[in-house]
Amino acid sequence: MPIQKAKFSIGDVVKHRHFDFRGVIYDVDFEFNNSEEWYQSIPKNVRPRKDQPFYHLLAENEEITYEAYVSEQNLLPDDSGEPIQHPLINEIFSGKKGSGYFKPSN
């Protein structure tokens, strides 16, 4: 099996390709690692392939903040420069540098 390379990194700010939300990546699964029930709940015509990286996001839209699990094929870089307003941002990240966020070093 080939080694998967992730297009995005922890701390990157991204937006969804089809839906109106954006977020910051806080974890990466190099292949699908969620429940089959979750996967089957996605409409078949927009269901992503499992053999690609999936990203855990602190996500937000105009109304709410939440956590999202999104396939690489459905993410684009967010170049708005706007900070993420998620309430957990300061629990996971130390700060913002340039267009992304960083975690404390070990």
PDB file of N, CA and C in Angstrom:
ATOM      1  N   MET A   1       0.846  -1.183   0.000  1.00  0.00           N
ATOM      2  CA  MET A   1       0.000   0.000   0.000  1.00  0.00           C
ATOM      3  C   MET A   1       0.889   1.244   0.000  1.00  0.00           C
ATOM      4  N   PRO A   2       0.654   2.188  -0.902  1.00  0.00           N
ATOM      5  CA  PRO A   2       1.489   3.383  -0.939  1.00  0.00           C
ATOM      6  C   PRO A   2       1.297   4.247   0.300  1.00  0.00           C
ATOM      7  N   ILE A   3       2.328   4.957   0.679  1.00  0.00           N
ATOM      8  CA  ILE A   3       2.244   5.860   1.821  1.00  0.00           C
ATOM      9  C   ILE A   3       1.487   7.114   1.396  1.00  0.00           C
ATOM     10  N   GLN A   4       0.472   7.459   2.188  1.00  0.00           N
ATOM     11  CA  GLN A   4      -0.323   8.650   1.890  1.00  0.00           C
ATOM     12  C   GLN A   4       0.429   9.894   2.326  1.00  0.00           C
ATOM     13  N   LYS A   5       0.364  10.917   1.516  1.00  0.00           N
ATOM     14  CA  LYS A   5       0.903  12.227   1.883  1.00  0.00           C
ATOM     15  C   LYS A   5      -0.265  13.177   2.033  1.00  0.00           C
ATOM     16  N   ALA A   6      -0.259  13.915   3.111  1.00  0.00           N
ATOM     17  CA  ALA A   6      -1.318  14.880   3.353  1.00  0.00           C
ATOM     18  C   ALA A   6      -0.976  16.200   2.667  1.00  0.00           C
ATOM     19  N   LYS A   7      -1.958  16.760   2.005  1.00  0.00           N
ATOM     20  CA  LYS A   7      -1.792  18.045   1.321  1.00  0.00           C
ATOM     21  C   LYS A   7      -1.757  19.196   2.325  1.00  0.00           C
ATOM     22  N   PHE A   8      -2.496  19.046   3.430  1.00  0.00           N
ATOM     23  CA  PHE A   8      -2.598  20.086   4.449  1.00  0.00           C
ATOM     24  C   PHE A   8      -1.931  19.619   5.738  1.00  0.00           C
ATOM     25  N   SER A   9      -1.594  20.564   6.599  1.00  0.00           N
ATOM     26  CA  SER A   9      -0.915  20.277   7.865  1.00  0.00           C
ATOM     27  C   SER A   9      -1.718  20.793   9.046  1.00  0.00           C
ATOM     28  N   ILE A  10      -1.389  20.293  10.226  1.00  0.00           N
ATOM     29  CA  ILE A  10      -1.993  20.792  11.457  1.00  0.00           C
ATOM     30  C   ILE A  10      -1.692  22.287  11.560  1.00  0.00           C
ATOM     31  N   GLY A  11      -2.725  23.051  11.841  1.00  0.00           N
ATOM     32  CA  GLY A  11      -2.592  24.499  11.949  1.00  0.00           C
ATOM     33  C   GLY A  11      -3.023  25.248  10.702  1.00  0.00           C
ATOM     34  N   ASP A  12      -3.178  24.542   9.581  1.00  0.00           N
ATOM     35  CA  ASP A  12      -3.618  25.202   8.343  1.00  0.00           C
ATOM     36  C   ASP A  12      -5.084  25.609   8.452  1.00  0.00           C
ATOM     37  N   VAL A  13      -5.401  26.767   7.899  1.00  0.00           N
ATOM     38  CA  VAL A  13      -6.789  27.237   7.835  1.00  0.00           C
ATOM     39  C   VAL A  13      -7.320  26.867   6.450  1.00  0.00           C
ATOM     40  N   VAL A  14      -8.461  26.187   6.431  1.00  0.00           N
ATOM     41  CA  VAL A  14      -9.034  25.663   5.193  1.00  0.00           C
ATOM     42  C   VAL A  14     -10.516  26.001   5.123  1.00  0.00           C
ATOM     43  N   LYS A  15     -11.082  25.826   3.931  1.00  0.00           N
ATOM     44  CA  LYS A  15     -12.526  25.976   3.752  1.00  0.00           C
ATOM     45  C   LYS A  15     -13.033  24.768   2.980  1.00  0.00           C
ATOM     46  N   HIS A  16     -14.322  24.495   3.141  1.00  0.00           N
ATOM     47  CA  HIS A  16     -14.921  23.352   2.460  1.00  0.00           C
ATOM     48  C   HIS A  16     -15.209  23.728   1.006  1.00  0.00           C
ATOM     49  N   ARG A  17     -14.987  22.788   0.131  1.00  0.00           N
ATOM     50  CA  ARG A  17     -15.178  23.003  -1.305  1.00  0.00           C
ATOM     51  C   ARG A  17     -16.653  23.219  -1.673  1.00  0.00           C
ATOM     52  N   HIS A  18     -17.568  22.546  -0.977  1.00  0.00           N
ATOM     53  CA  HIS A  18     -18.984  22.587  -1.350  1.00  0.00           C
ATOM     54  C   HIS A  18     -19.890  23.295  -0.342  1.00  0.00           C
ATOM     55  N   PHE A  19     -19.502  23.271   0.927  1.00  0.00           N
ATOM     56  CA  PHE A  19     -20.355  23.833   1.968  1.00  0.00           C
ATOM     57  C   PHE A  19     -19.709  25.078   2.559  1.00  0.00           C
ATOM     58  N   ASP A  20     -20.543  25.957   3.103  1.00  0.00           N
ATOM     59  CA  ASP A  20     -20.080  27.252   3.567  1.00  0.00           C
ATOM     60  C   ASP A  20     -19.556  27.179   5.004  1.00  0.00           C
ATOM     61  N   PHE A  21     -18.369  26.586   5.181  1.00  0.00           N
ATOM     62  CA  PHE A  21     -17.699  26.643   6.472  1.00  0.00           C
ATOM     63  C   PHE A  21     -16.199  26.583   6.264  1.00  0.00           C
ATOM     64  N   ARG A  22     -15.500  27.029   7.295  1.00  0.00           N
ATOM     65  CA  ARG A  22     -14.047  27.033   7.287  1.00  0.00           C
ATOM     66  C   ARG A  22     -13.562  26.560   8.634  1.00  0.00           C
ATOM     67  N   GLY A  23     -12.280  26.288   8.766  1.00  0.00           N
ATOM     68  CA  GLY A  23     -11.767  25.838  10.049  1.00  0.00           C
ATOM     69  C   GLY A  23     -10.269  25.693  10.037  1.00  0.00           C
ATOM     70  N   VAL A  24      -9.744  25.303  11.186  1.00  0.00           N
ATOM     71  CA  VAL A  24      -8.312  25.053  11.326  1.00  0.00           C
ATOM     72  C   VAL A  24      -8.124  23.564  11.619  1.00  0.00           C
ATOM     73  N   ILE A  25      -7.143  22.964  10.967  1.00  0.00           N
ATOM     74  CA  ILE A  25      -6.869  21.532  11.129  1.00  0.00           C
ATOM     75  C   ILE A  25      -6.153  21.301  12.448  1.00  0.00           C
ATOM     76  N   TYR A  26      -6.682  20.355  13.258  1.00  0.00           N
ATOM     77  CA  TYR A  26      -6.000  20.025  14.510  1.00  0.00           C
ATOM     78  C   TYR A  26      -5.533  18.571  14.561  1.00  0.00           C
ATOM     79  N   ASP A  27      -5.904  17.760  13.570  1.00  0.00           N
ATOM     80  CA  ASP A  27      -5.418  16.382  13.508  1.00  0.00           C
ATOM     81  C   ASP A  27      -5.629  15.858  12.089  1.00  0.00           C
ATOM     82  N   VAL A  28      -4.840  14.835  11.718  1.00  0.00           N
ATOM     83  CA  VAL A  28      -4.918  14.249  10.376  1.00  0.00           C
ATOM     84  C   VAL A  28      -4.958  12.732  10.497  1.00  0.00           C
ATOM     85  N   ASP A  29      -5.877  12.111   9.771  1.00  0.00           N
ATOM     86  CA  ASP A  29      -5.892  10.656   9.578  1.00  0.00           C
ATOM     87  C   ASP A  29      -5.464  10.429   8.136  1.00  0.00           C
ATOM     88  N   PHE A  30      -4.464   9.604   7.920  1.00  0.00           N
ATOM     89  CA  PHE A  30      -3.956   9.426   6.560  1.00  0.00           C
ATOM     90  C   PHE A  30      -4.860   8.572   5.679  1.00  0.00           C
ATOM     91  N   GLU A  31      -5.863   7.975   6.296  1.00  0.00           N
ATOM     92  CA  GLU A  31      -6.959   7.334   5.566  1.00  0.00           C
ATOM     93  C   GLU A  31      -8.174   7.399   6.465  1.00  0.00           C
ATOM     94  N   PHE A  32      -9.343   7.133   5.901  1.00  0.00           N
ATOM     95  CA  PHE A  32     -10.597   7.217   6.636  1.00  0.00           C
ATOM     96  C   PHE A  32     -10.524   6.451   7.953  1.00  0.00           C
ATOM     97  N   ASN A  33     -10.939   7.093   9.055  1.00  0.00           N
ATOM     98  CA  ASN A  33     -10.890   6.470  10.369  1.00  0.00           C
ATOM     99  C   ASN A  33     -12.079   6.939  11.212  1.00  0.00           C
ATOM    100  N   ASN A  34     -13.261   6.744  10.648  1.00  0.00           N
ATOM    101  CA  ASN A  34     -14.490   7.101  11.351  1.00  0.00           C
ATOM    102  C   ASN A  34     -15.425   5.900  11.208  1.00  0.00           C
ATOM    103  N   SER A  35     -16.629   5.998  11.738  1.00  0.00           N
ATOM    104  CA  SER A  35     -17.542   4.854  11.697  1.00  0.00           C
ATOM    105  C   SER A  35     -18.154   4.681  10.302  1.00  0.00           C
ATOM    106  N   GLU A  36     -18.510   3.451  10.010  1.00  0.00           N
ATOM    107  CA  GLU A  36     -19.187   3.157   8.746  1.00  0.00           C
ATOM    108  C   GLU A  36     -20.549   3.851   8.708  1.00  0.00           C
ATOM    109  N   GLU A  37     -21.195   3.953   9.865  1.00  0.00           N
ATOM    110  CA  GLU A  37     -22.487   4.645   9.958  1.00  0.00           C
ATOM    111  C   GLU A  37     -22.336   6.110   9.542  1.00  0.00           C
ATOM    112  N   TRP A  38     -21.273   6.771  10.023  1.00  0.00           N
ATOM    113  CA  TRP A  38     -21.012   8.160   9.642  1.00  0.00           C
ATOM    114  C   TRP A  38     -20.798   8.257   8.139  1.00  0.00           C
ATOM    115  N   TYR A  39     -19.997   7.346   7.600  1.00  0.00           N
ATOM    116  CA  TYR A  39     -19.674   7.364   6.172  1.00  0.00           C
ATOM    117  C   TYR A  39     -20.930   7.165   5.316  1.00  0.00           C
ATOM    118  N   GLN A  40     -21.765   6.220   5.703  1.00  0.00           N
ATOM    119  CA  GLN A  40     -22.979   5.926   4.939  1.00  0.00           C
ATOM    120  C   GLN A  40     -24.016   7.045   5.055  1.00  0.00           C
ATOM    121  N   SER A  41     -23.896   7.893   6.074  1.00  0.00           N
ATOM    122  CA  SER A  41     -24.848   8.996   6.230  1.00  0.00           C
ATOM    123  C   SER A  41     -24.600  10.117   5.215  1.00  0.00           C
ATOM    124  N   ILE A  42     -23.453  10.098   4.554  1.00  0.00           N
ATOM    125  CA  ILE A  42     -23.146  11.104   3.534  1.00  0.00           C
ATOM    126  C   ILE A  42     -23.872  10.711   2.251  1.00  0.00           C
ATOM    127  N   PRO A  43     -24.580  11.646   1.632  1.00  0.00           N
ATOM    128  CA  PRO A  43     -25.269  11.304   0.378  1.00  0.00           C
ATOM    129  C   PRO A  43     -24.302  10.715  -0.655  1.00  0.00           C
ATOM    130  N   LYS A  44     -24.741   9.646  -1.299  1.00  0.00           N
ATOM    131  CA  LYS A  44     -23.873   8.891  -2.208  1.00  0.00           C
ATOM    132  C   LYS A  44     -23.226   9.764  -3.287  1.00  0.00           C
ATOM    133  N   ASN A  45     -23.959  10.748  -3.784  1.00  0.00           N
ATOM    134  CA  ASN A  45     -23.422  11.574  -4.873  1.00  0.00           C
ATOM    135  C   ASN A  45     -22.301  12.514  -4.423  1.00  0.00           C
ATOM    136  N   VAL A  46     -22.110  12.716  -3.117  1.00  0.00           N
ATOM    137  CA  VAL A  46     -21.008  13.554  -2.622  1.00  0.00           C
ATOM    138  C   VAL A  46     -20.102  12.805  -1.640  1.00  0.00           C
ATOM    139  N   ARG A  47     -20.311  11.510  -1.503  1.00  0.00           N
ATOM    140  CA  ARG A  47     -19.523  10.705  -0.564  1.00  0.00           C
ATOM    141  C   ARG A  47     -18.072  10.606  -1.054  1.00  0.00           C
ATOM    142  N   PRO A  48     -17.099  10.983  -0.214  1.00  0.00           N
ATOM    143  CA  PRO A  48     -15.699  10.942  -0.645  1.00  0.00           C
ATOM    144  C   PRO A  48     -15.113   9.534  -0.610  1.00  0.00           C
ATOM    145  N   ARG A  49     -14.031   9.367  -1.324  1.00  0.00           N
ATOM    146  CA  ARG A  49     -13.276   8.111  -1.262  1.00  0.00           C
ATOM    147  C   ARG A  49     -12.672   7.956   0.138  1.00  0.00           C
ATOM    148  N   LYS A  50     -12.484   6.712   0.576  1.00  0.00           N
ATOM    149  CA  LYS A  50     -11.892   6.457   1.888  1.00  0.00           C
ATOM    150  C   LYS A  50     -10.366   6.461   1.838  1.00  0.00           C
ATOM    151  N   ASP A  51      -9.791   6.257   0.669  1.00  0.00           N
ATOM    152  CA  ASP A  51      -8.333   6.088   0.537  1.00  0.00           C
ATOM    153  C   ASP A  51      -7.606   7.420   0.342  1.00  0.00           C
ATOM    154  N   GLN A  52      -7.859   8.351   1.219  1.00  0.00           N
ATOM    155  CA  GLN A  52      -7.220   9.664   1.165  1.00  0.00           C
ATOM    156  C   GLN A  52      -7.161  10.208   2.581  1.00  0.00           C
ATOM    157  N   PRO A  53      -6.342  11.221   2.821  1.00  0.00           N
ATOM    158  CA  PRO A  53      -6.326  11.821   4.160  1.00  0.00           C
ATOM    159  C   PRO A  53      -7.669  12.461   4.512  1.00  0.00           C
ATOM    160  N   PHE A  54      -8.006  12.364   5.794  1.00  0.00           N
ATOM    161  CA  PHE A  54      -9.172  13.025   6.364  1.00  0.00           C
ATOM    162  C   PHE A  54      -8.669  13.917   7.495  1.00  0.00           C
ATOM    163  N   TYR A  55      -9.303  15.068   7.647  1.00  0.00           N
ATOM    164  CA  TYR A  55      -8.832  16.080   8.580  1.00  0.00           C
ATOM    165  C   TYR A  55      -9.883  16.391   9.641  1.00  0.00           C
ATOM    166  N   HIS A  56      -9.405  16.561  10.874  1.00  0.00           N
ATOM    167  CA  HIS A  56     -10.246  16.997  11.990  1.00  0.00           C
ATOM    168  C   HIS A  56     -10.113  18.513  12.068  1.00  0.00           C
ATOM    169  N   LEU A  57     -11.240  19.214  12.020  1.00  0.00           N
ATOM    170  CA  LEU A  57     -11.231  20.671  12.019  1.00  0.00           C
ATOM    171  C   LEU A  57     -11.979  21.255  13.205  1.00  0.00           C
ATOM    172  N   LEU A  58     -11.459  22.371  13.709  1.00  0.00           N
ATOM    173  CA  LEU A  58     -12.263  23.258  14.535  1.00  0.00           C
ATOM    174  C   LEU A  58     -12.953  24.145  13.518  1.00  0.00           C
ATOM    175  N   ALA A  59     -14.230  23.916  13.303  1.00  0.00           N
ATOM    176  CA  ALA A  59     -14.939  24.527  12.185  1.00  0.00           C
ATOM    177  C   ALA A  59     -15.899  25.616  12.647  1.00  0.00           C
ATOM    178  N   GLU A  60     -16.234  26.489  11.690  1.00  0.00           N
ATOM    179  CA  GLU A  60     -17.190  27.555  11.966  1.00  0.00           C
ATOM    180  C   GLU A  60     -17.880  27.974  10.680  1.00  0.00           C
ATOM    181  N   ASN A  61     -19.111  28.466  10.860  1.00  0.00           N
ATOM    182  CA  ASN A  61     -19.798  29.146   9.763  1.00  0.00           C
ATOM    183  C   ASN A  61     -20.351  30.437  10.347  1.00  0.00           C
ATOM    184  N   GLU A  62     -21.260  31.064   9.665  1.00  0.00           N
ATOM    185  CA  GLU A  62     -21.781  32.354  10.147  1.00  0.00           C
ATOM    186  C   GLU A  62     -22.552  32.226  11.462  1.00  0.00           C
ATOM    187  N   GLU A  63     -23.069  31.027  11.765  1.00  0.00           N
ATOM    188  CA  GLU A  63     -23.932  30.879  12.930  1.00  0.00           C
ATOM    189  C   GLU A  63     -23.332  30.129  14.106  1.00  0.00           C
ATOM    190  N   ILE A  64     -22.521  29.085  13.836  1.00  0.00           N
ATOM    191  CA  ILE A  64     -22.074  28.216  14.929  1.00  0.00           C
ATOM    192  C   ILE A  64     -20.617  27.793  14.747  1.00  0.00           C
ATOM    193  N   THR A  65     -20.053  27.264  15.842  1.00  0.00           N
ATOM    194  CA  THR A  65     -18.753  26.596  15.783  1.00  0.00           C
ATOM    195  C   THR A  65     -18.986  25.126  16.123  1.00  0.00           C
ATOM    196  N   TYR A  66     -18.161  24.258  15.577  1.00  0.00           N
ATOM    197  CA  TYR A  66     -18.317  22.823  15.782  1.00  0.00           C
ATOM    198  C   TYR A  66     -17.037  22.132  15.348  1.00  0.00           C
ATOM    199  N   GLU A  67     -16.990  20.809  15.480  1.00  0.00           N
ATOM    200  CA  GLU A  67     -15.866  20.033  14.978  1.00  0.00           C
ATOM    201  C   GLU A  67     -16.334  19.266  13.747  1.00  0.00           C
ATOM    202  N   ALA A  68     -15.467  19.194  12.744  1.00  0.00           N
ATOM    203  CA  ALA A  68     -15.819  18.532  11.488  1.00  0.00           C
ATOM    204  C   ALA A  68     -14.734  17.537  11.106  1.00  0.00           C
ATOM    205  N   TYR A  69     -15.123  16.543  10.341  1.00  0.00           N
ATOM    206  CA  TYR A  69     -14.219  15.517   9.807  1.00  0.00           C
ATOM    207  C   TYR A  69     -14.396  15.553   8.296  1.00  0.00           C
ATOM    208  N   VAL A  70     -13.347  15.977   7.572  1.00  0.00           N
ATOM    209  CA  VAL A  70     -13.498  16.284   6.153  1.00  0.00           C
ATOM    210  C   VAL A  70     -12.395  15.623   5.339  1.00  0.00           C
ATOM    211  N   SER A  71     -12.774  15.070   4.183  1.00  0.00           N
ATOM    212  CA  SER A  71     -11.808  14.458   3.270  1.00  0.00           C
ATOM    213  C   SER A  71     -10.969  15.523   2.585  1.00  0.00           C
ATOM    214  N   GLU A  72      -9.757  15.140   2.209  1.00  0.00           N
ATOM    215  CA  GLU A  72      -8.862  16.072   1.529  1.00  0.00           C
ATOM    216  C   GLU A  72      -9.477  16.625   0.246  1.00  0.00           C
ATOM    217  N   GLN A  73     -10.194  15.771  -0.507  1.00  0.00           N
ATOM    218  CA  GLN A  73     -10.761  16.215  -1.781  1.00  0.00           C
ATOM    219  C   GLN A  73     -11.780  17.338  -1.608  1.00  0.00           C
ATOM    220  N   ASN A  74     -12.304  17.513  -0.393  1.00  0.00           N
ATOM    221  CA  ASN A  74     -13.322  18.535  -0.158  1.00  0.00           C
ATOM    222  C   ASN A  74     -12.792  19.778   0.547  1.00  0.00           C
ATOM    223  N   LEU A  75     -11.462  19.906   0.647  1.00  0.00           N
ATOM    224  CA  LEU A  75     -10.893  21.080   1.296  1.00  0.00           C
ATOM    225  C   LEU A  75     -10.076  21.923   0.326  1.00  0.00           C
ATOM    226  N   LEU A  76     -10.103  23.226   0.575  1.00  0.00           N
ATOM    227  CA  LEU A  76      -9.303  24.204  -0.163  1.00  0.00           C
ATOM    228  C   LEU A  76      -8.612  25.105   0.857  1.00  0.00           C
ATOM    229  N   PRO A  77      -7.461  25.674   0.516  1.00  0.00           N
ATOM    230  CA  PRO A  77      -6.841  26.635   1.434  1.00  0.00           C
ATOM    231  C   PRO A  77      -7.761  27.845   1.618  1.00  0.00           C
ATOM    232  N   ASP A  78      -7.809  28.358   2.838  1.00  0.00           N
ATOM    233  CA  ASP A  78      -8.575  29.580   3.100  1.00  0.00           C
ATOM    234  C   ASP A  78      -7.571  30.719   3.197  1.00  0.00           C
ATOM    235  N   ASP A  79      -7.621  31.627   2.246  1.00  0.00           N
ATOM    236  CA  ASP A  79      -6.655  32.725   2.222  1.00  0.00           C
ATOM    237  C   ASP A  79      -7.273  34.051   2.655  1.00  0.00           C
ATOM    238  N   SER A  80      -8.362  33.982   3.413  1.00  0.00           N
ATOM    239  CA  SER A  80      -9.043  35.207   3.847  1.00  0.00           C
ATOM    240  C   SER A  80      -8.218  35.987   4.871  1.00  0.00           C
ATOM    241  N   GLY A  81      -7.359  35.293   5.623  1.00  0.00           N
ATOM    242  CA  GLY A  81      -6.593  35.950   6.678  1.00  0.00           C
ATOM    243  C   GLY A  81      -7.389  36.199   7.948  1.00  0.00           C
ATOM    244  N   GLU A  82      -8.674  35.854   7.938  1.00  0.00           N
ATOM    245  CA  GLU A  82      -9.531  36.050   9.112  1.00  0.00           C
ATOM    246  C   GLU A  82      -9.212  34.994  10.171  1.00  0.00           C
ATOM    247  N   PRO A  83      -9.151  35.384  11.458  1.00  0.00           N
ATOM    248  CA  PRO A  83      -8.890  34.390  12.505  1.00  0.00           C
ATOM    249  C   PRO A  83     -10.079  33.451  12.682  1.00  0.00           C
ATOM    250  N   ILE A  84      -9.800  32.267  13.176  1.00  0.00           N
ATOM    251  CA  ILE A  84     -10.850  31.303  13.510  1.00  0.00           C
ATOM    252  C   ILE A  84     -11.383  31.678  14.892  1.00  0.00           C
ATOM    253  N   GLN A  85     -12.707  31.699  15.043  1.00  0.00           N
ATOM    254  CA  GLN A  85     -13.336  32.137  16.293  1.00  0.00           C
ATOM    255  C   GLN A  85     -13.788  30.969  17.175  1.00  0.00           C
ATOM    256  N   HIS A  86     -13.350  29.764  16.876  1.00  0.00           N
ATOM    257  CA  HIS A  86     -13.791  28.580  17.634  1.00  0.00           C
ATOM    258  C   HIS A  86     -13.357  28.691  19.101  1.00  0.00           C
ATOM    259  N   PRO A  87     -14.232  28.346  20.063  1.00  0.00           N
ATOM    260  CA  PRO A  87     -13.868  28.482  21.477  1.00  0.00           C
ATOM    261  C   PRO A  87     -12.717  27.576  21.932  1.00  0.00           C
ATOM    262  N   LEU A  88     -12.420  26.503  21.204  1.00  0.00           N
ATOM    263  CA  LEU A  88     -11.321  25.609  21.603  1.00  0.00           C
ATOM    264  C   LEU A  88      -9.971  26.001  20.993  1.00  0.00           C
ATOM    265  N   ILE A  89      -9.938  27.041  20.194  1.00  0.00           N
ATOM    266  CA  ILE A  89      -8.707  27.397  19.477  1.00  0.00           C
ATOM    267  C   ILE A  89      -7.536  27.608  20.434  1.00  0.00           C
ATOM    268  N   ASN A  90      -7.767  28.282  21.560  1.00  0.00           N
ATOM    269  CA  ASN A  90      -6.680  28.565  22.498  1.00  0.00           C
ATOM    270  C   ASN A  90      -6.318  27.383  23.379  1.00  0.00           C
ATOM    271  N   GLU A  91      -7.163  26.345  23.405  1.00  0.00           N
ATOM    272  CA  GLU A  91      -6.823  25.126  24.140  1.00  0.00           C
ATOM    273  C   GLU A  91      -5.899  24.230  23.329  1.00  0.00           C
ATOM    274  N   ILE A  92      -5.994  24.302  22.014  1.00  0.00           N
ATOM    275  CA  ILE A  92      -5.214  23.426  21.144  1.00  0.00           C
ATOM    276  C   ILE A  92      -3.979  24.127  20.579  1.00  0.00           C
ATOM    277  N   PHE A  93      -4.107  25.396  20.263  1.00  0.00           N
ATOM    278  CA  PHE A  93      -3.017  26.131  19.620  1.00  0.00           C
ATOM    279  C   PHE A  93      -2.489  27.234  20.527  1.00  0.00           C
ATOM    280  N   SER A  94      -1.188  27.535  20.366  1.00  0.00           N
ATOM    281  CA  SER A  94      -0.545  28.590  21.156  1.00  0.00           C
ATOM    282  C   SER A  94      -0.776  29.961  20.562  1.00  0.00           C
ATOM    283  N   GLY A  95      -0.936  30.014  19.248  1.00  0.00           N
ATOM    284  CA  GLY A  95      -1.113  31.301  18.610  1.00  0.00           C
ATOM    285  C   GLY A  95      -1.203  31.172  17.112  1.00  0.00           C
ATOM    286  N   LYS A  96      -1.193  32.319  16.454  1.00  0.00           N
ATOM    287  CA  LYS A  96      -1.319  32.385  15.000  1.00  0.00           C
ATOM    288  C   LYS A  96      -0.043  32.986  14.451  1.00  0.00           C
ATOM    289  N   LYS A  97       0.466  32.390  13.392  1.00  0.00           N
ATOM    290  CA  LYS A  97       1.644  32.927  12.728  1.00  0.00           C
ATOM    291  C   LYS A  97       1.373  32.904  11.241  1.00  0.00           C
ATOM    292  N   GLY A  98       1.383  34.066  10.629  1.00  0.00           N
ATOM    293  CA  GLY A  98       1.040  34.140   9.215  1.00  0.00           C
ATOM    294  C   GLY A  98      -0.404  33.734   9.025  1.00  0.00           C
ATOM    295  N   SER A  99      -0.626  32.799   8.111  1.00  0.00           N
ATOM    296  CA  SER A  99      -1.998  32.374   7.835  1.00  0.00           C
ATOM    297  C   SER A  99      -2.415  31.154   8.637  1.00  0.00           C
ATOM    298  N   GLY A 100      -1.512  30.578   9.451  1.00  0.00           N
ATOM    299  CA  GLY A 100      -1.841  29.358  10.175  1.00  0.00           C
ATOM    300  C   GLY A 100      -1.657  29.493  11.676  1.00  0.00           C
ATOM    301  N   TYR A 101      -1.993  28.428  12.381  1.00  0.00           N
ATOM    302  CA  TYR A 101      -1.879  28.360  13.827  1.00  0.00           C
ATOM    303  C   TYR A 101      -0.772  27.384  14.191  1.00  0.00           C
ATOM    304  N   PHE A 102      -0.198  27.555  15.394  1.00  0.00           N
ATOM    305  CA  PHE A 102       0.841  26.627  15.825  1.00  0.00           C
ATOM    306  C   PHE A 102       0.550  26.117  17.217  1.00  0.00           C
ATOM    307  N   LYS A 103       1.050  24.899  17.472  1.00  0.00           N
ATOM    308  CA  LYS A 103       0.904  24.250  18.763  1.00  0.00           C
ATOM    309  C   LYS A 103       2.179  24.500  19.565  1.00  0.00           C
ATOM    310  N   PRO A 104       2.087  24.376  20.880  1.00  0.00           N
ATOM    311  CA  PRO A 104       3.316  24.495  21.676  1.00  0.00           C
ATOM    312  C   PRO A 104       4.277  23.364  21.316  1.00  0.00           C
ATOM    313  N   SER A 105       5.563  23.658  21.297  1.00  0.00           N
ATOM    314  CA  SER A 105       6.529  22.598  20.980  1.00  0.00           C
ATOM    315  C   SER A 105       6.767  21.742  22.217  1.00  0.00           C
ATOM    316  N   ASN A 106       7.124  20.490  21.972  1.00  0.00           N
ATOM    317  CA  ASN A 106       7.340  19.554  23.090  1.00  0.00           C
ATOM    318  C   ASN A 106       8.719  19.729  23.676  1.00  0.00           C
TER     319      ASN A 106
END
